Protein backbone atom coordinates (compact mmCIF):
# COMPACT_ATOMS: atom_id res chain seq x y z
CA MET A 1 16.98 130.11 192.73
CA SER A 2 19.96 131.83 190.89
CA VAL A 3 23.58 132.54 191.86
CA ARG A 4 25.09 135.78 190.72
CA SER A 5 28.77 136.79 190.72
CA ALA A 6 29.81 139.39 193.14
CA LEU A 7 32.06 141.19 190.50
CA PRO A 8 30.46 143.64 188.15
CA TRP A 9 30.95 143.31 184.33
CA PRO A 10 33.37 146.22 183.91
CA VAL A 11 35.68 144.70 186.45
CA ARG A 12 35.51 141.38 184.69
CA TRP A 13 36.49 142.93 181.34
CA ALA A 14 39.34 144.78 182.98
CA ILE A 15 40.68 141.57 184.47
CA VAL A 16 40.44 139.82 181.05
CA ALA A 17 42.26 142.73 179.40
CA LEU A 18 45.01 142.58 181.99
CA VAL A 19 45.41 138.82 181.44
CA PHE A 20 45.66 139.22 177.63
CA GLY A 21 48.12 142.11 178.00
CA PHE A 22 50.23 140.08 180.39
CA CYS A 23 50.26 137.13 177.92
CA ALA A 24 51.22 139.41 175.05
CA ALA A 25 54.05 140.89 177.08
CA ILE A 26 55.33 137.45 177.96
CA GLY A 27 55.13 136.40 174.24
CA LEU A 28 57.04 139.47 173.08
CA TRP A 29 59.66 138.92 175.73
CA ALA A 30 60.05 135.26 174.65
CA PHE A 31 60.42 136.30 170.98
CA GLU A 32 63.09 138.91 171.77
CA PHE A 33 64.89 136.50 174.06
CA GLY A 34 64.89 133.74 171.40
CA ARG A 35 66.11 136.15 168.73
CA ASP A 36 68.95 137.26 170.96
CA ILE A 37 69.89 133.66 171.64
CA ALA A 38 69.85 132.76 167.91
CA GLY A 39 71.91 135.83 167.06
CA LEU A 40 69.68 136.83 164.18
CA GLU A 41 69.85 140.48 164.92
CA SER A 42 73.57 140.87 165.62
CA GLY A 43 75.35 138.23 163.47
CA GLY A 44 72.82 137.22 160.82
CA GLN A 45 73.57 140.05 158.43
CA THR A 46 77.32 139.46 158.68
CA GLU A 47 76.96 135.73 158.04
CA LEU A 48 74.70 136.44 155.09
CA LEU A 49 77.35 138.71 153.55
CA GLN A 50 80.01 136.08 154.19
CA LEU A 51 77.87 133.43 152.52
CA ARG A 52 77.38 135.67 149.49
CA GLU A 53 81.15 136.19 149.23
CA LYS A 54 81.72 132.44 149.43
CA VAL A 55 79.14 131.89 146.68
CA LYS A 56 80.94 134.40 144.46
CA THR A 57 84.28 132.75 145.16
CA LEU A 58 82.86 129.31 144.38
CA GLN A 59 81.36 130.64 141.15
CA VAL A 60 84.76 132.01 140.08
CA GLU A 61 86.37 128.64 140.87
CA VAL A 62 83.66 126.83 138.91
CA ASP A 63 84.22 129.10 135.89
CA ALA A 64 87.99 128.52 136.09
CA ALA A 65 87.42 124.76 136.33
CA ARG A 66 85.21 124.91 133.22
CA VAL A 67 87.92 126.79 131.31
CA GLN A 68 90.52 124.22 132.36
CA ARG A 69 88.14 121.42 131.35
CA ASP A 70 87.63 122.98 127.90
CA GLN A 71 91.40 123.39 127.46
CA ALA A 72 92.00 119.78 128.50
CA GLN A 73 89.31 118.61 126.06
CA SER A 74 90.91 120.63 123.25
CA ILE A 75 94.32 119.17 124.05
CA ALA A 76 92.82 115.67 124.15
CA ASN A 77 91.16 116.21 120.75
CA THR A 78 94.43 117.49 119.28
CA ALA A 79 96.33 114.56 120.74
CA GLY A 80 93.75 112.16 119.31
CA ALA A 81 94.12 113.72 115.86
CA LEU A 82 97.92 113.49 116.09
CA VAL A 83 97.71 109.85 117.16
CA ALA A 84 95.37 109.07 114.25
CA ALA A 85 97.67 110.86 111.77
CA GLU A 86 100.72 109.06 113.15
CA LYS A 87 98.91 105.75 112.93
CA ALA A 88 97.98 106.41 109.29
CA SER A 89 101.55 107.45 108.54
CA GLY A 90 102.84 104.28 110.18
CA GLU A 91 100.46 102.19 108.08
CA ARG A 92 101.67 103.93 104.90
CA LEU A 93 105.29 103.35 105.88
CA ALA A 94 104.55 99.70 106.61
CA ALA A 95 102.93 99.35 103.18
CA GLN A 96 105.94 101.02 101.53
CA VAL A 97 108.34 98.74 103.42
CA LYS A 98 106.33 95.71 102.31
CA GLN A 99 106.39 96.96 98.70
CA LEU A 100 110.16 97.48 98.89
CA ASP A 101 110.60 94.00 100.33
CA ASP A 102 108.52 92.55 97.51
CA ASP A 103 110.50 94.51 94.90
CA ASN A 104 113.79 93.42 96.45
CA ARG A 105 112.68 89.79 96.50
CA ARG A 106 111.59 90.02 92.86
CA LEU A 107 114.90 91.57 91.85
CA ARG A 108 116.80 88.81 93.68
CA ASP A 109 114.68 86.21 91.89
CA ASP A 110 115.34 87.90 88.54
CA LEU A 111 119.04 88.08 89.26
CA GLY A 112 119.13 84.42 90.20
CA PHE A 113 117.25 83.56 87.02
CA PHE A 114 119.57 85.67 84.89
CA GLU A 115 122.66 84.18 86.50
CA LYS A 116 121.36 80.71 85.65
CA LEU A 117 121.09 81.80 82.03
CA ILE A 118 124.79 82.67 81.95
CA PRO A 119 126.81 79.59 80.97
CA ALA A 120 129.48 78.47 83.42
CA SER A 121 132.08 78.81 80.69
CA SER A 122 131.36 80.49 77.39
CA SER A 123 133.49 81.94 74.65
CA GLU A 124 130.76 84.46 73.81
CA ALA A 125 131.41 87.78 75.53
CA VAL A 126 127.86 88.99 74.70
CA ALA A 127 124.83 86.72 74.31
CA ILE A 128 121.09 87.10 73.72
CA ARG A 129 118.87 85.14 76.12
CA GLY A 130 115.15 84.98 76.73
CA MET A 131 114.09 86.46 73.40
CA GLN A 132 110.29 86.56 73.10
CA ALA A 133 107.67 87.91 70.66
CA GLU A 134 103.88 88.01 71.05
CA VAL A 135 101.43 88.84 68.28
CA LEU A 136 98.77 91.24 69.51
CA ASP A 137 95.42 92.28 68.08
CA GLY A 138 95.47 95.15 65.63
CA GLY A 139 98.60 94.08 63.73
CA LYS A 140 101.14 94.66 66.52
CA ILE A 141 103.94 92.57 67.97
CA ARG A 142 105.25 92.92 71.51
CA TRP A 143 108.90 91.89 71.77
CA GLN A 144 111.35 91.36 74.62
CA VAL A 145 115.09 90.67 74.54
CA LEU A 146 117.53 89.90 77.35
CA VAL A 147 121.18 90.70 76.59
CA ILE A 148 123.90 89.29 78.85
CA GLN A 149 127.64 89.72 79.15
CA SER A 150 128.86 86.27 80.10
CA LYS A 151 132.07 87.38 81.79
CA LYS A 152 131.77 88.83 85.24
CA ASN A 153 133.19 92.31 85.78
CA ALA A 154 133.16 92.81 82.01
CA PRO A 155 133.68 96.37 80.73
CA GLU A 156 130.53 98.34 79.99
CA LEU A 157 129.14 97.85 76.51
CA LEU A 158 127.85 100.92 74.68
CA GLY A 159 126.12 99.85 71.50
CA SER A 160 122.66 99.30 70.07
CA LEU A 161 120.04 96.61 69.73
CA GLU A 162 118.53 96.12 66.28
CA ILE A 163 115.26 94.28 65.77
CA SER A 164 114.22 93.04 62.31
CA PHE A 165 111.17 91.12 61.12
CA SER A 166 110.62 88.88 58.11
CA GLY A 167 107.54 87.33 56.59
CA VAL A 168 105.34 87.41 53.51
CA VAL A 169 103.10 89.92 51.78
CA SER A 170 100.81 88.89 48.93
CA GLY A 171 102.62 85.52 48.83
CA LYS A 172 106.06 87.09 48.39
CA PRO A 173 108.96 87.24 50.88
CA TRP A 174 109.15 90.39 52.97
CA SER A 175 111.68 91.80 55.45
CA SER A 176 111.98 95.02 57.41
CA ALA A 177 115.22 96.42 55.97
CA PRO A 178 116.83 98.52 57.33
CA PRO A 179 116.09 97.24 60.88
CA ALA A 180 112.57 98.00 61.99
CA ILE A 181 113.79 98.97 65.47
CA SER A 182 117.13 100.29 66.70
CA VAL A 183 117.53 101.26 70.37
CA PRO A 184 120.63 102.37 72.30
CA LEU A 185 122.15 99.70 74.52
CA LYS A 186 124.18 100.39 77.66
CA LEU A 187 125.16 97.10 79.22
CA SER A 188 127.23 96.21 82.27
CA GLN A 189 126.11 92.69 83.23
CA TYR A 190 122.68 92.29 81.72
CA GLY A 191 119.92 94.38 80.23
CA ARG A 192 116.30 93.71 79.34
CA LEU A 193 114.74 95.65 76.47
CA GLU A 194 111.17 95.51 75.23
CA GLY A 195 108.76 97.34 73.00
CA VAL A 196 105.88 97.09 70.51
CA TYR A 197 106.24 96.96 66.72
CA GLU A 198 103.37 97.95 64.43
CA VAL A 199 103.28 95.56 61.48
CA PRO A 200 102.63 97.13 58.04
CA PRO A 201 99.24 96.31 56.48
CA GLN A 202 98.83 92.94 54.70
CA VAL A 203 102.17 91.65 56.07
CA GLY A 204 102.31 88.26 57.72
CA VAL A 205 105.32 88.22 60.08
CA LYS A 206 106.99 84.82 60.39
CA ALA A 207 110.24 85.53 62.23
CA MET A 208 112.06 88.10 64.39
CA THR A 209 115.81 88.70 64.53
CA ALA A 210 117.73 90.58 67.24
CA ARG A 211 121.29 91.84 66.78
CA VAL A 212 123.61 93.43 69.33
CA MET A 213 125.84 95.94 67.58
CA ASP A 214 128.99 97.53 68.98
CA GLY A 215 129.32 100.33 66.48
CA ALA A 216 129.63 98.47 63.14
CA VAL A 217 130.68 95.21 64.86
CA LEU A 218 128.10 92.45 65.35
CA ARG A 219 128.45 91.13 68.92
CA ALA A 220 125.45 88.76 69.10
CA SER A 221 122.50 87.66 66.99
CA GLN A 222 119.44 85.45 67.45
CA THR A 223 116.31 84.64 65.38
CA ILE A 224 113.02 83.11 66.54
CA LYS A 225 109.98 81.90 64.63
CA LEU A 226 106.57 83.44 65.23
């Protein structure tokens, strides 16, 4: 026994087509309605243009910020170089100040030493102090003489210092006459003179004599043994 539908097949297909068409119409209506609600058709293009303008503006601001950053970095580098140069200059000045302090201290020590060499009361207006001679290799003698005016505030002495040597050569007496060395002397309170004398060949120097001359007048004289 079989049960057959009362509707023919063409009617069935027509009903199915109507159902699908109705569903499609409802779907299209829902899409259009949702698009209108979201505003994609009316305001989407405008918002997109606005977003593009904002992106361009932000890009310009970013570029300007990069330029400012580079300028700040350049200024910082320049400032660092200036600070380093100023630091080095300060270190050089500190070293120079220290050197000047050391020189000043040495001069004060020398002055104190020289003042001790001046007798408290002396009849000699000009005196020779601290006379030294050192025999060097190669037949040379390094000499040093300190000349002092004993009286304070003494007038300036314009004269000369004469250095002579004596000794033996081939067993016979020898002397450097006229003076082996004669140097100008300008003296207020004290003056230190020094130099090197080259001894003639085969001469054995035994003594050195220093004379302070004021023109043709002998003001002071001293001899030391070598």
